[in-house]
Protein backbone atom coordinates (compact mmCIF):
# COMPACT_ATOMS: atom_id res chain seq x y z
CA UNK A 1 -18.68 26.21 -4.01
CA UNK A 2 -20.21 27.56 -7.24
CA UNK A 3 -21.44 25.26 -9.96
CA UNK A 4 -22.37 26.69 -13.38
CA UNK A 5 -24.55 24.61 -15.69
CA UNK A 6 -25.77 25.58 -19.14
CA UNK A 7 -29.22 24.39 -20.13
CA UNK A 8 -29.84 24.89 -23.89
CA UNK A 9 -33.20 26.40 -24.72
CA UNK A 10 -34.54 27.12 -28.22
CA UNK A 11 -32.46 28.21 -31.19
CA UNK A 12 -32.39 31.84 -30.11
CA UNK A 13 -32.05 31.85 -26.34
CA UNK A 14 -29.82 30.09 -23.84
CA UNK A 15 -30.82 29.93 -20.22
CA UNK A 16 -27.99 30.18 -17.74
CA UNK A 17 -28.47 28.48 -14.38
CA UNK A 18 -26.23 29.52 -11.52
CA UNK A 19 -26.34 27.31 -8.44
CA UNK A 20 -24.73 28.13 -5.13
CA UNK A 21 -24.39 25.20 -2.75
CA UNK A 22 -23.72 26.18 0.85
CA UNK A 23 -24.12 23.75 3.78
CA UNK A 24 -26.22 21.39 1.73
CA UNK A 25 -28.71 24.08 0.71
CA UNK A 26 -29.15 24.97 -2.97
CA UNK A 27 -30.13 28.43 -4.12
CA UNK A 28 -30.77 28.93 -7.83
CA UNK A 29 -31.16 32.12 -9.82
CA UNK A 30 -31.71 32.21 -13.58
CA UNK A 31 -31.31 34.94 -16.15
CA UNK A 32 -31.62 35.13 -19.90
CA UNK A 33 -28.43 35.48 -21.88
CA UNK A 34 -27.99 38.08 -24.59
CA UNK A 35 -26.30 35.96 -27.25
CA UNK A 36 -28.38 37.43 -30.08
CA UNK A 37 -27.65 40.95 -28.89
CA UNK A 38 -23.95 40.24 -28.74
CA UNK A 39 -24.08 38.82 -32.26
CA UNK A 40 -25.84 41.92 -33.54
CA UNK A 41 -23.35 44.22 -31.86
CA UNK A 42 -20.41 42.35 -33.33
CA UNK A 43 -21.73 42.86 -36.87
CA UNK A 44 -22.54 46.56 -36.42
CA UNK A 45 -20.23 49.46 -37.10
CA UNK A 46 -17.34 50.18 -34.83
CA UNK A 47 -18.82 53.46 -33.64
CA UNK A 48 -21.53 51.60 -31.78
CA UNK A 49 -19.09 49.23 -30.13
CA UNK A 50 -18.12 49.74 -26.55
CA UNK A 51 -14.46 50.53 -25.99
CA UNK A 52 -12.48 47.53 -24.71
CA UNK A 53 -12.22 47.34 -20.98
CA UNK A 54 -8.82 47.70 -19.48
CA UNK A 55 -7.49 44.78 -17.54
CA UNK A 56 -7.44 45.31 -13.86
CA UNK A 57 -4.16 44.69 -12.16
CA UNK A 58 -4.28 42.11 -9.45
CA UNK A 59 -2.13 42.66 -6.41
CA UNK A 60 -1.39 39.65 -4.24
CA UNK A 61 -0.95 40.27 -0.56
CA UNK A 62 1.72 37.83 0.58
CA UNK A 63 0.70 38.27 4.21
CA UNK A 64 -2.97 37.51 3.53
CA UNK A 65 -4.30 34.97 6.01
CA UNK A 66 -1.17 34.72 8.14
CA UNK A 67 -2.71 36.69 10.97
CA UNK A 68 -6.06 34.96 10.70
CA UNK A 69 -6.96 32.78 13.66
CA UNK A 70 -7.89 29.17 12.84
CA UNK A 71 -10.98 28.66 14.98
CA UNK A 72 -11.63 25.35 16.72
CA UNK A 73 -14.61 24.65 14.44
CA UNK A 74 -12.43 25.23 11.38
CA UNK A 75 -9.67 23.03 12.82
CA UNK A 76 -12.06 20.17 13.44
CA UNK A 77 -13.48 20.55 9.93
CA UNK A 78 -9.98 20.17 8.49
CA UNK A 79 -9.30 17.18 10.76
CA UNK A 80 -12.45 15.44 9.54
CA UNK A 81 -11.71 16.17 5.88
CA UNK A 82 -8.13 14.98 6.25
CA UNK A 83 -9.30 11.69 7.78
CA UNK A 84 -11.79 11.20 4.93
CA UNK A 85 -9.09 11.84 2.33
CA UNK A 86 -6.78 9.30 3.98
CA UNK A 87 -9.59 6.72 4.05
CA UNK A 88 -10.82 7.30 0.49
CA UNK A 89 -7.37 7.42 -1.11
CA UNK A 90 -5.96 4.69 1.17
CA UNK A 91 -3.06 6.86 2.23
CA UNK A 92 -0.70 6.17 5.14
CA UNK A 93 -1.29 7.96 8.43
CA UNK A 94 2.18 9.46 8.16
CA UNK A 95 0.86 11.72 5.39
CA UNK A 96 -0.61 14.15 7.93
CA UNK A 97 2.87 14.75 9.38
CA UNK A 98 4.71 14.87 6.04
CA UNK A 99 6.61 17.96 4.98
CA UNK A 100 4.59 18.30 1.78
CA UNK A 101 1.27 18.42 3.66
CA UNK A 102 2.70 20.95 6.13
CA UNK A 103 3.81 23.21 3.28
CA UNK A 104 0.38 22.88 1.63
CA UNK A 105 -1.46 23.81 4.83
CA UNK A 106 0.89 26.74 5.46
CA UNK A 107 -0.65 28.30 2.34
CA UNK A 108 -4.25 27.16 2.76
CA UNK A 109 -4.52 27.72 6.52
CA UNK A 110 -1.27 29.12 7.96
CA UNK A 111 -2.31 28.87 11.62
CA UNK A 112 -3.68 25.33 11.39
CA UNK A 113 -2.13 22.98 13.96
CA UNK A 114 -1.20 19.68 12.28
CA UNK A 115 -3.29 16.76 13.50
CA UNK A 116 -1.49 13.89 15.23
CA UNK A 117 -1.78 10.33 13.94
CA UNK A 118 -3.62 9.23 17.09
CA UNK A 119 -6.29 11.87 16.49
CA UNK A 120 -6.66 10.75 12.87
CA UNK A 121 -7.11 7.16 14.06
CA UNK A 122 -9.97 8.21 16.34
CA UNK A 123 -11.77 9.94 13.48
CA UNK A 124 -11.18 6.98 11.17
CA UNK A 125 -12.75 4.69 13.78
CA UNK A 126 -15.76 6.99 13.85
CA UNK A 127 -16.05 6.82 10.06
CA UNK A 128 -15.72 3.04 10.23
CA UNK A 129 -18.68 2.76 12.59
CA UNK A 130 -20.79 5.02 10.40
CA UNK A 131 -19.98 3.06 7.25
CA UNK A 132 -20.66 -0.25 8.99
CA UNK A 133 -24.09 0.96 10.07
CA UNK A 134 -24.95 2.03 6.52
CA UNK A 135 -23.81 -1.32 5.10
CA UNK A 136 -25.74 -3.25 7.76
CA UNK A 137 -28.88 -1.34 6.85
CA UNK A 138 -28.52 -2.24 3.17
CA UNK A 139 -27.78 -5.87 4.01
CA UNK A 140 -30.83 -5.95 6.24
CA UNK A 141 -33.03 -4.83 3.36
CA UNK A 142 -31.51 -7.36 0.96
CA UNK A 143 -33.52 -10.55 0.49
CA UNK A 144 -30.53 -12.77 -0.27
CA UNK A 145 -26.75 -12.42 -0.25
CA UNK A 146 -23.98 -14.34 -1.99
CA UNK A 147 -20.37 -14.13 -0.82
CA UNK A 148 -16.89 -14.66 -2.18
CA UNK A 149 -13.94 -15.57 0.00
CA UNK A 150 -10.23 -15.72 -0.63
CA UNK A 151 -7.14 -16.46 1.44
CA UNK A 152 -4.06 -14.49 0.42
CA UNK A 153 -0.58 -13.65 1.62
CA UNK A 154 1.15 -10.39 2.38
CA UNK A 155 4.74 -9.63 1.36
CA UNK A 156 5.80 -10.82 4.82
CA UNK A 157 4.11 -14.18 4.10
CA UNK A 158 1.35 -13.55 6.65
CA UNK A 159 -1.95 -15.18 5.80
CA UNK A 160 -5.19 -13.18 5.56
CA UNK A 161 -8.79 -13.94 4.67
CA UNK A 162 -11.14 -11.57 2.86
CA UNK A 163 -14.92 -11.99 2.61
CA UNK A 164 -17.03 -9.92 0.20
CA UNK A 165 -20.84 -9.77 0.08
CA UNK A 166 -22.78 -9.37 -3.17
CA UNK A 167 -26.51 -8.61 -3.54
CA UNK A 168 -29.06 -6.70 -5.62
CA UNK A 169 -30.97 -3.88 -3.96
CA UNK A 170 -34.62 -2.99 -4.46
CA UNK A 171 -33.66 -0.78 -7.41
CA UNK A 172 -32.02 -3.75 -9.16
CA UNK A 173 -28.55 -2.28 -8.70
CA UNK A 174 -25.74 -4.75 -7.91
CA UNK A 175 -23.89 -3.97 -4.68
CA UNK A 176 -20.65 -5.39 -3.30
CA UNK A 177 -19.11 -4.73 0.10
CA UNK A 178 -15.98 -6.11 1.72
CA UNK A 179 -17.13 -7.46 5.07
CA UNK A 180 -13.76 -8.36 6.57
CA UNK A 181 -10.05 -8.67 5.96
CA UNK A 182 -8.25 -10.12 8.96
CA UNK A 183 -5.23 -12.24 9.77
CA UNK A 184 -5.68 -15.99 9.61
CA UNK A 185 -3.32 -17.91 11.85
CA UNK A 186 -4.99 -21.32 11.76
CA UNK A 187 -4.46 -23.94 9.10
CA UNK A 188 -6.58 -23.52 5.98
CA UNK A 189 -8.74 -26.55 6.61
CA UNK A 190 -12.40 -26.70 5.63
CA UNK A 191 -13.44 -26.61 9.28
CA UNK A 192 -11.36 -23.51 10.13
CA UNK A 193 -12.49 -21.64 7.04
CA UNK A 194 -16.11 -22.53 7.78
CA UNK A 195 -15.76 -21.10 11.29
CA UNK A 196 -14.26 -17.89 9.91
CA UNK A 197 -17.14 -17.46 7.46
CA UNK A 198 -19.77 -18.20 10.06
CA UNK A 199 -18.30 -15.65 12.49
CA UNK A 200 -18.30 -13.02 9.73
CA UNK A 201 -21.90 -13.74 8.75
CA UNK A 202 -23.05 -13.53 12.38
CA UNK A 203 -21.25 -10.21 12.87
CA UNK A 204 -23.07 -8.69 9.90
CA UNK A 205 -26.36 -10.44 10.73
CA UNK A 206 -26.69 -12.17 7.37
CA UNK A 207 -26.22 -15.80 8.43
CA UNK A 208 -29.79 -16.59 7.37
CA UNK A 209 -29.51 -14.75 4.03
CA UNK A 210 -26.35 -16.21 2.52
CA UNK A 211 -27.32 -18.49 -0.35
CA UNK A 212 -23.87 -19.29 -1.77
CA UNK A 213 -20.18 -18.87 -1.00
CA UNK A 214 -17.60 -19.01 -3.78
CA UNK A 215 -13.90 -19.55 -3.04
CA UNK A 216 -10.83 -20.91 -4.79
CA UNK A 217 -9.26 -24.29 -4.17
CA UNK A 218 -5.64 -23.18 -4.02
CA UNK A 219 -3.31 -24.52 -1.36
CA UNK A 220 -1.37 -22.15 0.88
CA UNK A 221 1.46 -24.38 2.15
CA UNK A 222 3.97 -21.49 2.22
CA UNK A 223 1.80 -19.44 4.62
CA UNK A 224 1.31 -22.37 6.95
CA UNK A 225 5.00 -23.23 6.87
CA UNK A 226 5.88 -19.60 7.62
CA UNK A 227 3.66 -19.65 10.72
CA UNK A 228 5.18 -22.94 11.86
CA UNK A 229 8.66 -21.46 11.35
CA UNK A 230 7.79 -18.52 13.60
CA UNK A 231 6.47 -20.93 16.23
CA UNK A 232 9.72 -22.92 16.15
CA UNK A 233 11.76 -19.72 16.36
CA UNK A 234 9.85 -18.65 19.47
CA UNK A 235 10.34 -22.08 21.05
CA UNK A 236 14.10 -21.81 20.50
CA UNK A 237 14.25 -18.23 21.81
CA UNK A 238 15.21 -16.86 18.39
CA UNK A 239 13.92 -13.65 16.78
CA UNK A 240 10.86 -14.29 14.61
CA UNK A 241 11.78 -13.42 11.05
CA UNK A 242 10.67 -14.61 7.65
CA UNK A 243 12.92 -16.17 5.06
CA UNK A 244 14.16 -14.00 2.19
CA UNK A 245 13.89 -14.77 -1.52
CA UNK A 246 16.65 -13.75 -3.91
CA UNK A 247 15.92 -11.26 -6.68
CA UNK A 248 18.01 -10.77 -9.82
CA UNK A 249 17.57 -7.00 -9.77
CA UNK A 250 18.55 -6.61 -6.10
CA UNK A 251 22.20 -6.49 -5.17
CA UNK A 252 23.23 -8.79 -2.33
CA UNK A 253 19.86 -10.57 -2.31
CA UNK A 254 21.54 -13.98 -2.70
CA UNK A 255 23.78 -13.26 0.28
CA UNK A 256 20.79 -12.10 2.35
CA UNK A 257 18.80 -15.20 1.41
CA UNK A 258 21.60 -17.64 2.28
CA UNK A 259 22.50 -15.77 5.46
CA UNK A 260 18.89 -15.83 6.72
CA UNK A 261 18.53 -19.53 5.87
CA UNK A 262 21.74 -20.46 7.66
CA UNK A 263 20.80 -18.50 10.77
CA UNK A 264 17.49 -20.39 10.89
CA UNK A 265 18.99 -23.77 10.16
CA UNK A 266 17.64 -25.35 13.35
CA UNK A 267 14.00 -24.13 13.16
CA UNK A 268 13.87 -24.98 9.44
CA UNK A 269 14.97 -28.54 10.21
CA UNK A 270 12.32 -28.77 12.96
CA UNK A 271 9.60 -27.64 10.56
CA UNK A 272 10.63 -30.21 7.96
CA UNK A 273 10.65 -32.92 10.63
CA UNK A 274 7.11 -32.07 11.82
CA UNK A 275 4.80 -34.63 10.19
CA UNK A 276 1.69 -32.62 11.10
CA UNK A 277 2.85 -30.09 8.51
CA UNK A 278 5.01 -31.91 5.98
CA UNK A 279 4.77 -35.41 4.66
CA UNK A 280 7.77 -37.70 4.38
CA UNK A 281 7.93 -37.06 0.63
CA UNK A 282 7.88 -33.28 1.09
CA UNK A 283 10.51 -33.43 3.81
CA UNK A 284 12.76 -35.53 1.59
CA UNK A 285 12.30 -33.05 -1.27
CA UNK A 286 13.11 -29.95 0.80
CA UNK A 287 15.61 -31.47 3.18
CA UNK A 288 19.04 -29.83 3.19
CA UNK A 289 21.94 -32.22 3.56
CA UNK A 290 24.98 -31.56 5.73
CA UNK A 291 27.12 -31.11 2.64
CA UNK A 292 24.72 -28.48 1.31
CA UNK A 293 24.79 -26.60 4.63
CA UNK A 294 28.58 -26.55 4.38
CA UNK A 295 28.37 -25.08 0.89
CA UNK A 296 25.93 -22.41 2.12
CA UNK A 297 28.32 -21.46 4.91
CA UNK A 298 31.20 -21.19 2.41
CA UNK A 299 29.23 -18.95 0.07
CA UNK A 300 28.16 -16.68 2.93
CA UNK A 301 31.81 -16.09 3.89
CA UNK A 302 32.72 -15.33 0.28
CA UNK A 303 29.76 -13.03 -0.35
CA UNK A 304 30.02 -11.06 2.88
CA UNK A 305 32.93 -8.78 1.73
CA UNK A 306 31.11 -8.08 -1.54
CA UNK A 307 27.98 -7.16 0.40
CA UNK A 308 29.93 -4.69 2.55
CA UNK A 309 31.63 -3.20 -0.50
CA UNK A 310 28.41 -2.66 -2.46
CA UNK A 311 26.79 -1.12 0.62
CA UNK A 312 29.62 1.42 0.77
CA UNK A 313 29.20 2.15 -2.95
CA UNK A 314 25.49 2.92 -2.41
CA UNK A 315 26.21 5.82 -0.05
CA UNK A 316 24.40 9.07 -0.86
CA UNK A 317 26.09 11.54 1.49
CA UNK A 318 29.66 11.03 0.31
CA UNK A 319 31.52 10.52 -2.97
CA UNK A 320 31.91 6.79 -3.56
CA UNK A 321 33.62 6.86 -6.99
CA UNK A 322 37.03 7.55 -5.45
CA UNK A 323 36.81 4.34 -3.39
CA UNK A 324 35.88 1.92 -6.19
CA UNK A 325 39.35 0.81 -7.29
CA UNK A 326 40.77 0.81 -3.77
CA UNK A 327 38.05 -1.43 -2.36
CA UNK A 328 38.07 -3.72 -5.41
CA UNK A 329 41.82 -4.27 -5.09
CA UNK A 330 41.46 -4.92 -1.36
CA UNK A 331 38.72 -7.49 -1.92
CA UNK A 332 40.66 -9.27 -4.68
CA UNK A 333 44.00 -9.34 -2.87
CA UNK A 334 42.76 -10.21 0.63
CA UNK A 335 39.35 -11.89 0.54
CA UNK A 336 39.46 -13.58 -2.88
CA UNK A 337 43.03 -14.80 -2.66
CA UNK A 338 43.32 -18.52 -3.46
CA UNK A 339 44.14 -20.83 -0.57
CA UNK A 340 45.21 -24.45 -0.46
CA UNK A 341 42.27 -25.27 1.82
CA UNK A 342 39.67 -24.01 -0.69
CA UNK A 343 37.24 -26.62 -1.89
CA UNK A 344 35.89 -26.85 -5.44
CA UNK A 345 33.05 -24.38 -4.86
CA UNK A 346 35.27 -21.75 -3.26
CA UNK A 347 37.91 -22.11 -5.97
CA UNK A 348 35.35 -21.72 -8.75
CA UNK A 349 33.68 -18.75 -7.02
CA UNK A 350 36.92 -16.84 -6.50
CA UNK A 351 38.12 -17.45 -10.04
CA UNK A 352 34.83 -16.30 -11.55
CA UNK A 353 34.49 -13.16 -9.41
CA UNK A 354 38.10 -12.08 -9.96
CA UNK A 355 37.70 -12.46 -13.72
CA UNK A 356 34.42 -10.53 -13.81
CA UNK A 357 35.70 -7.69 -11.63
CA UNK A 358 38.91 -7.38 -13.64
CA UNK A 359 37.03 -7.27 -16.96
CA UNK A 360 34.47 -4.72 -15.77
CA UNK A 361 36.70 -2.37 -13.79
């Protein structure tokens, strides 16, 4: 790589520094510019001016590099750089097998063999060990360390704990490093959290240097309830799956939420009945009555045809506009037809949906 830096000198001269960095070695060569001479030439008569240089035509060889062999050393260099890029930019491992990356490398290094995800993982583990050793060295030199800890939830409602160390080095520069982020399956009691912190401090060899730990006081009942729900699902031989929340901007999300709740009716009831997790007041607040379960079942049956219809309308590989009126008429005439056995909820639902569909389409 070539780096060009301009260092201003006096009013008349400018020193130009050209630095060439190759394999960590820096070679510098300096020369004096001729700015004053150029200024004098520009103000002189045209007969002393040099004729303008003709532009050279640049011909691009489209086959350049295609026959070049990608040596093993070069391949490993690309592997290492790719792993660093994924780590620094926090990119998914699937990036190395993406079509965009393949097209990019076909230009940069046509004969480069794309690295597999397993090979990238091995190099990332090597980087992880190197970074850990550097952080441990800085923590060892630190006189005291303060930490912050937080328990948070993923989109799948899985609980995690993160611990970050903060200290000031010998140059009075503040440093912060994330020591751990791992899954937390136990209840968020003071004893369990204390054990997690102590294990982290022992791993990084700072248990005698930590002077303070700051954390929030927020409760994480939803994470604990989610873990209990998975335990009950496993006990009943059911697939472990989280509950779904409805979203106004997502079609069919209400149907998906009710359908998932109804399928997990039994484990949900077992969680609410477990007094080691929920108090009597909480269970009474969240308890679903038999009448409410019946209403959920009715709404699922009514929403199911609409869910199928909207799924068909979202197709990308076929024209869906020609099917809109046909499917709407079929849903209205067959699935939303009023019956004598309909209760109040079903009657109101069918009337409302028929009116809205008729007005809109």
